């Protein structure tokens, strides 16, 4: 079971959908409903699965989401910009990704320590 057994992978597609559905749960109209586009499946520099997607809504809302399967926990970075400010949102999303590190000696997915002091999540 994900979160309790590092060898049991998280359902990342399902988790991505759940995060977007949660955002959409209080959308006042169908124009405000985000949908994911351009879903890509990636792997972090230290071997963790990380899907990401662009988010878009008919009202002009845009966003990004990235999930990282850390084994015992799931890391989610979700940013959205309502009606503009996309350049700022894109920049801040990347800054958030670049700032996330896992401390040395903690590799929740494999139960082993990492080889570097800090591992950038977006690398």
Foldseek 3Di string as FASTA:
>chain_A
DFLPFLQDWDPVVVVVVVVQCVVQVPPPDQQRRKDWPDWDWDAFPQGWIKIKTWIAGNQGKIWIWIWTRQRNDIDIQIFIDGPDPVVVRVVVSVVVQQPDWDAFQDRNNVNGGDPDRTGRRVD
